[in-house]
Amino acid sequence: VPPSNHHELHLRGPTGRGARGIQQNTFTRWCNEHLKCVHKRIGDLQRDLSDGLRLIALLEVLSQKKMGRKYHPRPNFRQMKLENVSVALEFLEREHIKLGWWGNGVG
């Protein structure tokens, strides 16, 4: 469906994916810029962060600290993936890191 006016084009962006798509692309590029130093990459945010491994790597790069807790390096099962994500979230809590974009109308 083509946009009806300039304002709608601005909100949807040139690909028609909208502001959310633009935010996701921007955040993905930002993550990849930081993950380069550990030779990791994100293509799809939801898929690539779901096992917790790239999220853990990103947090370690940004904080310049190790998780301090073991995680599953090859999470084959859903439970292992959830535990990895929990490790990352616990790290954020332990380090008193607040996610400024979390729950602020993004998504």
Protein backbone atom coordinates (compact mmCIF):
# COMPACT_ATOMS: atom_id res chain seq x y z
CA VAL A 1 0.00 0.00 0.00
CA PRO A 2 1.67 3.25 -1.06
CA PRO A 3 1.82 6.04 1.51
CA SER A 4 -0.85 8.69 1.12
CA ASN A 5 1.37 11.62 2.05
CA HIS A 6 4.91 12.65 2.94
CA HIS A 7 4.30 12.26 6.71
CA GLU A 8 3.26 8.63 6.26
CA LEU A 9 6.32 7.95 4.09
CA HIS A 10 8.53 9.38 6.83
CA LEU A 11 6.94 7.14 9.47
CA ARG A 12 7.07 4.03 7.35
CA GLY A 13 10.51 4.64 5.92
CA PRO A 14 11.72 3.92 2.40
CA THR A 15 11.18 0.15 2.75
CA GLY A 16 7.64 0.49 4.11
CA ARG A 17 8.66 -1.20 7.36
CA GLY A 18 7.85 1.76 9.57
CA ALA A 19 9.62 3.36 12.49
CA ARG A 20 9.99 0.03 14.26
CA GLY A 21 11.91 -1.42 11.31
CA ILE A 22 14.18 1.61 11.21
CA GLN A 23 14.84 1.30 14.95
CA GLN A 24 15.59 -2.41 14.60
CA ASN A 25 18.00 -1.78 11.72
CA THR A 26 19.75 0.98 13.64
CA PHE A 27 20.05 -1.12 16.80
CA THR A 28 21.25 -4.14 14.80
CA ARG A 29 23.97 -2.07 13.13
CA TRP A 30 25.00 -0.64 16.52
CA CYS A 31 25.22 -4.15 18.01
CA ASN A 32 27.23 -5.45 15.05
CA GLU A 33 29.67 -2.57 15.33
CA HIS A 34 30.42 -3.62 18.91
CA LEU A 35 30.36 -7.37 18.22
CA LYS A 36 32.99 -7.07 15.45
CA CYS A 37 35.81 -7.28 17.97
CA VAL A 38 34.62 -10.75 19.11
CA HIS A 39 33.88 -11.91 15.54
CA LYS A 40 30.14 -12.20 16.05
CA ARG A 41 27.27 -10.74 14.07
CA ILE A 42 23.51 -10.27 14.35
CA GLY A 43 21.36 -10.64 11.26
CA ASP A 44 17.91 -10.96 12.84
CA LEU A 45 17.51 -9.53 16.35
CA GLN A 46 14.84 -11.91 17.57
CA ARG A 47 16.45 -15.06 16.19
CA ASP A 48 20.07 -14.19 16.96
CA LEU A 49 19.53 -12.96 20.52
CA SER A 50 17.12 -15.74 21.48
CA ASP A 51 19.78 -18.23 22.64
CA GLY A 52 21.50 -15.58 24.77
CA LEU A 53 24.98 -16.09 23.32
CA ARG A 54 25.25 -12.90 21.26
CA LEU A 55 23.50 -10.98 24.02
CA ILE A 56 26.10 -12.22 26.51
CA ALA A 57 28.91 -11.38 24.08
CA LEU A 58 27.51 -7.87 23.55
CA LEU A 59 27.21 -7.23 27.29
CA GLU A 60 30.76 -8.45 27.88
CA VAL A 61 32.10 -6.19 25.13
CA LEU A 62 30.18 -3.14 26.31
CA SER A 63 30.96 -3.61 30.00
CA GLN A 64 34.48 -4.96 29.48
CA LYS A 65 33.62 -7.59 32.12
CA LYS A 66 32.95 -11.32 32.01
CA MET A 67 29.55 -12.71 32.94
CA GLY A 68 30.89 -14.13 36.19
CA ARG A 69 28.52 -17.05 35.84
CA LYS A 70 28.59 -20.08 33.60
CA TYR A 71 26.30 -20.27 30.63
CA HIS A 72 25.64 -22.84 27.91
CA PRO A 73 28.08 -22.31 25.03
CA ARG A 74 26.03 -24.62 22.77
CA PRO A 75 22.41 -24.25 23.87
CA ASN A 76 20.59 -27.05 22.04
CA PHE A 77 17.37 -26.92 24.03
CA ARG A 78 14.90 -24.15 24.80
CA GLN A 79 15.65 -24.41 28.53
CA MET A 80 19.37 -23.83 27.89
CA LYS A 81 18.60 -20.78 25.75
CA LEU A 82 16.33 -19.34 28.43
CA GLU A 83 19.02 -19.91 31.07
CA ASN A 84 21.53 -18.01 28.91
CA VAL A 85 19.16 -15.06 28.54
CA SER A 86 18.61 -15.17 32.31
CA VAL A 87 22.37 -15.04 32.87
CA ALA A 88 22.52 -11.89 30.72
CA LEU A 89 19.58 -10.25 32.53
CA GLU A 90 21.04 -11.12 35.94
CA PHE A 91 24.33 -9.54 34.82
CA LEU A 92 22.48 -6.32 33.97
CA GLU A 93 20.82 -6.33 37.37
CA ARG A 94 24.04 -7.15 39.24
CA GLU A 95 25.93 -4.37 37.45
CA HIS A 96 23.03 -1.90 38.01
CA ILE A 97 22.68 -1.36 34.26
CA LYS A 98 19.33 0.05 33.21
CA LEU A 99 18.08 -0.27 29.66
CA GLY A 100 16.91 3.21 28.75
CA TRP A 101 15.03 2.09 25.65
CA TRP A 102 13.25 -0.81 27.38
CA GLY A 103 9.55 -0.06 27.67
CA ASN A 104 9.81 3.47 26.27
CA GLY A 105 7.43 2.98 23.37
CA VAL A 106 9.88 0.97 21.28
CA GLY A 107 8.28 -2.13 19.84
